[in-house]
């Protein structure tokens, strides 16, 4: 648990924040660059799960190449 806290603690601050998708290499998603959603939670592996406005709940993994930007309100 200590490793997770040190490795993904910075991501916990993203929960509840709005994000915009820049890139995902997931071939099965309908999400596209520019789609927006709200960060729901971060799992133990560091996957950031987003409730996308389109209705998807796709998780993003930076280590696998997924990219996003945090929207500042």
C-alpha atoms as a PDB file:
ATOM      1  CA  UNK A   1       0.000   0.000   0.000  1.00  0.00           C
ATOM      2  CA  UNK A   2       2.862   2.373   0.699  1.00  0.00           C
ATOM      3  CA  UNK A   3       4.132   1.966  -2.891  1.00  0.00           C
ATOM      4  CA  UNK A   4       0.717   2.912  -4.274  1.00  0.00           C
ATOM      5  CA  UNK A   5       0.545   5.953  -2.049  1.00  0.00           C
ATOM      6  CA  UNK A   6       3.904   7.207  -3.224  1.00  0.00           C
ATOM      7  CA  UNK A   7       3.416   6.301  -6.885  1.00  0.00           C
ATOM      8  CA  UNK A   8      -0.178   7.445  -7.465  1.00  0.00           C
ATOM      9  CA  UNK A   9      -0.814   9.962  -4.682  1.00  0.00           C
ATOM     10  CA  UNK A  10      -0.517  12.866  -7.116  1.00  0.00           C
ATOM     11  CA  UNK A  11      -3.324  11.363  -9.211  1.00  0.00           C
ATOM     12  CA  UNK A  12      -5.781  11.283  -6.289  1.00  0.00           C
ATOM     13  CA  UNK A  13      -6.023  15.077  -6.576  1.00  0.00           C
ATOM     14  CA  UNK A  14      -7.607  14.602 -10.020  1.00  0.00           C
ATOM     15  CA  UNK A  15     -10.741  12.923  -8.646  1.00  0.00           C
ATOM     16  CA  UNK A  16     -13.712  15.137  -9.485  1.00  0.00           C
ATOM     17  CA  UNK A  17     -11.730  17.173 -12.030  1.00  0.00           C
ATOM     18  CA  UNK A  18     -12.770  17.585 -15.640  1.00  0.00           C
ATOM     19  CA  UNK A  19     -10.428  16.203 -18.292  1.00  0.00           C
ATOM     20  CA  UNK A  20     -10.227  16.303 -22.076  1.00  0.00           C
ATOM     21  CA  UNK A  21      -8.972  13.274 -23.988  1.00  0.00           C
ATOM     22  CA  UNK A  22      -5.953  13.898 -26.177  1.00  0.00           C
ATOM     23  CA  UNK A  23      -5.170  10.296 -27.168  1.00  0.00           C
ATOM     24  CA  UNK A  24      -6.003   6.687 -26.375  1.00  0.00           C
ATOM     25  CA  UNK A  25      -4.774   3.602 -28.186  1.00  0.00           C
ATOM     26  CA  UNK A  26      -7.867   1.591 -27.173  1.00  0.00           C
ATOM     27  CA  UNK A  27      -9.231   0.222 -30.474  1.00  0.00           C
ATOM     28  CA  UNK A  28     -12.645  -0.613 -28.992  1.00  0.00           C
ATOM     29  CA  UNK A  29     -13.718   2.785 -27.673  1.00  0.00           C
ATOM     30  CA  UNK A  30     -15.912   5.343 -29.411  1.00  0.00           C
ATOM     31  CA  UNK A  31     -14.110   8.133 -27.573  1.00  0.00           C
ATOM     32  CA  UNK A  32     -12.161  10.571 -29.700  1.00  0.00           C
ATOM     33  CA  UNK A  33      -9.677  13.370 -29.180  1.00  0.00           C
ATOM     34  CA  UNK A  34     -11.445  16.307 -27.543  1.00  0.00           C
ATOM     35  CA  UNK A  35     -14.051  14.257 -25.643  1.00  0.00           C
ATOM     36  CA  UNK A  36     -14.521  15.388 -22.044  1.00  0.00           C
ATOM     37  CA  UNK A  37     -15.435  13.753 -18.763  1.00  0.00           C
ATOM     38  CA  UNK A  38     -15.019  13.776 -14.985  1.00  0.00           C
ATOM     39  CA  UNK A  39     -12.420  11.704 -13.126  1.00  0.00           C
ATOM     40  CA  UNK A  40     -14.285   9.174 -10.969  1.00  0.00           C
ATOM     41  CA  UNK A  41     -11.528   7.209  -9.252  1.00  0.00           C
ATOM     42  CA  UNK A  42      -7.983   5.849  -9.488  1.00  0.00           C
ATOM     43  CA  UNK A  43      -7.482   2.111  -9.010  1.00  0.00           C
ATOM     44  CA  UNK A  44      -4.539   0.318  -7.362  1.00  0.00           C
ATOM     45  CA  UNK A  45      -2.751  -0.028 -10.707  1.00  0.00           C
ATOM     46  CA  UNK A  46      -2.938   3.727 -11.382  1.00  0.00           C
ATOM     47  CA  UNK A  47      -5.721   3.537 -13.960  1.00  0.00           C
ATOM     48  CA  UNK A  48      -7.685   6.774 -13.967  1.00  0.00           C
ATOM     49  CA  UNK A  49     -11.361   5.989 -14.527  1.00  0.00           C
ATOM     50  CA  UNK A  50     -13.358   8.765 -16.126  1.00  0.00           C
ATOM     51  CA  UNK A  51     -17.114   9.155 -16.477  1.00  0.00           C
ATOM     52  CA  UNK A  52     -17.139  10.490 -20.012  1.00  0.00           C
ATOM     53  CA  UNK A  53     -19.897  12.826 -21.147  1.00  0.00           C
ATOM     54  CA  UNK A  54     -20.672  10.329 -23.940  1.00  0.00           C
ATOM     55  CA  UNK A  55     -21.598   7.728 -21.297  1.00  0.00           C
ATOM     56  CA  UNK A  56     -18.403   5.661 -21.409  1.00  0.00           C
ATOM     57  CA  UNK A  57     -16.403   4.795 -18.281  1.00  0.00           C
ATOM     58  CA  UNK A  58     -13.100   4.132 -20.033  1.00  0.00           C
ATOM     59  CA  UNK A  59     -10.047   4.123 -17.778  1.00  0.00           C
ATOM     60  CA  UNK A  60      -6.903   5.878 -18.927  1.00  0.00           C
ATOM     61  CA  UNK A  61      -3.386   4.598 -18.316  1.00  0.00           C
ATOM     62  CA  UNK A  62      -0.585   7.088 -18.895  1.00  0.00           C
ATOM     63  CA  UNK A  63       2.015   4.304 -18.862  1.00  0.00           C
ATOM     64  CA  UNK A  64       0.320   2.738 -21.915  1.00  0.00           C
ATOM     65  CA  UNK A  65       0.271   5.968 -23.882  1.00  0.00           C
ATOM     66  CA  UNK A  66      -3.119   7.445 -22.996  1.00  0.00           C
ATOM     67  CA  UNK A  67      -3.005  11.246 -22.828  1.00  0.00           C
ATOM     68  CA  UNK A  68      -5.360  13.862 -21.416  1.00  0.00           C
ATOM     69  CA  UNK A  69      -5.397  17.426 -20.165  1.00  0.00           C
ATOM     70  CA  UNK A  70      -7.009  18.699 -16.989  1.00  0.00           C
ATOM     71  CA  UNK A  71      -9.546  21.449 -17.629  1.00  0.00           C
ATOM     72  CA  UNK A  72      -9.317  24.440 -15.308  1.00  0.00           C
ATOM     73  CA  UNK A  73     -12.589  26.081 -14.459  1.00  0.00           C
END
